[in-house]
Amino acid sequence: RTSLEKYYGKEGAAKVQQAEAFEVCEYGRRPDAAEIKRLFPFLP
């Protein structure tokens, strides 16, 4: 829920009924916020 709040706000995250986790790379580095926006342009 914390990650949902980061992208959709507290109110928007509370409305989410189902979410799926996505792991970019199990053994690599974590992408920063700019890379997340580039990889997932549909996120607000």
N, C-alpha and C. Protein backbone atom coordinates (compact mmCIF):
# COMPACT_ATOMS: atom_id res chain seq x y z
N ARG A 1 0.82 -1.19 0.00
CA ARG A 1 0.00 0.00 0.00
C ARG A 1 0.87 1.26 0.00
N THR A 2 2.01 1.19 0.61
CA THR A 2 2.90 2.35 0.67
C THR A 2 3.32 2.80 -0.73
N SER A 3 3.65 1.85 -1.58
CA SER A 3 4.04 2.19 -2.96
C SER A 3 2.87 2.78 -3.73
N LEU A 4 1.68 2.27 -3.50
CA LEU A 4 0.50 2.83 -4.17
C LEU A 4 0.28 4.27 -3.74
N GLU A 5 0.46 4.55 -2.46
CA GLU A 5 0.29 5.91 -1.96
C GLU A 5 1.31 6.86 -2.57
N LYS A 6 2.50 6.36 -2.84
CA LYS A 6 3.55 7.17 -3.45
C LYS A 6 3.12 7.67 -4.83
N TYR A 7 2.45 6.84 -5.60
CA TYR A 7 2.06 7.21 -6.96
C TYR A 7 0.64 7.78 -7.07
N TYR A 8 -0.29 7.30 -6.24
CA TYR A 8 -1.69 7.69 -6.38
C TYR A 8 -2.22 8.54 -5.24
N GLY A 9 -1.41 8.77 -4.22
CA GLY A 9 -1.87 9.52 -3.06
C GLY A 9 -2.66 8.61 -2.13
N LYS A 10 -2.88 9.07 -0.92
CA LYS A 10 -3.55 8.25 0.10
C LYS A 10 -4.98 7.89 -0.31
N GLU A 11 -5.69 8.86 -0.84
CA GLU A 11 -7.08 8.64 -1.22
C GLU A 11 -7.19 7.69 -2.41
N GLY A 12 -6.34 7.90 -3.42
CA GLY A 12 -6.36 7.03 -4.59
C GLY A 12 -5.93 5.61 -4.26
N ALA A 13 -4.94 5.47 -3.41
CA ALA A 13 -4.46 4.15 -3.02
C ALA A 13 -5.52 3.38 -2.25
N ALA A 14 -6.33 4.07 -1.47
CA ALA A 14 -7.38 3.42 -0.70
C ALA A 14 -8.45 2.81 -1.60
N LYS A 15 -8.59 3.34 -2.81
CA LYS A 15 -9.60 2.84 -3.76
C LYS A 15 -9.12 1.61 -4.54
N VAL A 16 -7.82 1.35 -4.53
CA VAL A 16 -7.28 0.22 -5.28
C VAL A 16 -7.70 -1.08 -4.61
N GLN A 17 -8.28 -1.99 -5.40
CA GLN A 17 -8.72 -3.27 -4.87
C GLN A 17 -7.71 -4.39 -5.15
N GLN A 18 -7.03 -4.31 -6.30
CA GLN A 18 -6.05 -5.33 -6.65
C GLN A 18 -4.83 -4.66 -7.28
N ALA A 19 -3.66 -5.17 -6.97
CA ALA A 19 -2.42 -4.66 -7.54
C ALA A 19 -1.47 -5.83 -7.76
N GLU A 20 -0.61 -5.68 -8.75
CA GLU A 20 0.36 -6.73 -9.04
C GLU A 20 1.77 -6.17 -8.90
N ALA A 21 2.62 -6.89 -8.23
CA ALA A 21 4.02 -6.46 -8.07
C ALA A 21 4.80 -6.80 -9.33
N PHE A 22 5.77 -5.95 -9.66
CA PHE A 22 6.62 -6.18 -10.82
C PHE A 22 8.06 -5.95 -10.39
N GLU A 23 8.89 -6.96 -10.58
CA GLU A 23 10.30 -6.85 -10.22
C GLU A 23 11.11 -6.60 -11.49
N VAL A 24 11.73 -5.44 -11.59
CA VAL A 24 12.47 -5.05 -12.79
C VAL A 24 13.63 -5.99 -13.03
N CYS A 25 14.43 -6.23 -12.01
CA CYS A 25 15.59 -7.11 -12.16
C CYS A 25 15.92 -7.71 -10.80
N GLU A 26 15.85 -9.01 -10.71
CA GLU A 26 16.07 -9.68 -9.44
C GLU A 26 17.49 -9.47 -8.90
N TYR A 27 18.48 -9.44 -9.79
CA TYR A 27 19.87 -9.37 -9.35
C TYR A 27 20.55 -8.03 -9.66
N GLY A 28 19.86 -7.15 -10.32
CA GLY A 28 20.46 -5.87 -10.71
C GLY A 28 20.21 -4.78 -9.70
N ARG A 29 20.49 -3.57 -10.11
CA ARG A 29 20.28 -2.41 -9.24
C ARG A 29 18.82 -1.97 -9.30
N ARG A 30 18.42 -1.17 -8.34
CA ARG A 30 17.05 -0.64 -8.32
C ARG A 30 16.99 0.60 -9.20
N PRO A 31 15.98 0.70 -10.04
CA PRO A 31 15.84 1.91 -10.86
C PRO A 31 15.41 3.09 -10.00
N ASP A 32 15.87 4.28 -10.37
CA ASP A 32 15.47 5.48 -9.62
C ASP A 32 14.12 5.95 -10.14
N ALA A 33 13.60 7.02 -9.55
CA ALA A 33 12.26 7.51 -9.89
C ALA A 33 12.14 7.88 -11.37
N ALA A 34 13.18 8.48 -11.95
CA ALA A 34 13.14 8.86 -13.37
C ALA A 34 13.05 7.63 -14.26
N GLU A 35 13.77 6.58 -13.91
CA GLU A 35 13.71 5.35 -14.70
C GLU A 35 12.35 4.67 -14.58
N ILE A 36 11.77 4.71 -13.40
CA ILE A 36 10.43 4.15 -13.21
C ILE A 36 9.43 4.86 -14.11
N LYS A 37 9.51 6.19 -14.17
CA LYS A 37 8.59 6.95 -15.03
C LYS A 37 8.81 6.62 -16.51
N ARG A 38 10.06 6.39 -16.89
CA ARG A 38 10.36 6.04 -18.28
C ARG A 38 9.86 4.63 -18.61
N LEU A 39 10.03 3.69 -17.69
CA LEU A 39 9.61 2.31 -17.92
C LEU A 39 8.10 2.12 -17.84
N PHE A 40 7.45 2.92 -16.99
CA PHE A 40 6.01 2.80 -16.78
C PHE A 40 5.34 4.16 -16.99
N PRO A 41 5.23 4.61 -18.23
CA PRO A 41 4.69 5.95 -18.50
C PRO A 41 3.22 6.13 -18.13
N PHE A 42 2.52 5.04 -17.90
CA PHE A 42 1.10 5.13 -17.54
C PHE A 42 0.88 5.52 -16.08
N LEU A 43 1.93 5.45 -15.25
CA LEU A 43 1.80 5.87 -13.86
C LEU A 43 1.64 7.39 -13.79
N PRO A 44 0.82 7.86 -12.86
CA PRO A 44 0.62 9.32 -12.76
C PRO A 44 1.86 10.06 -12.32
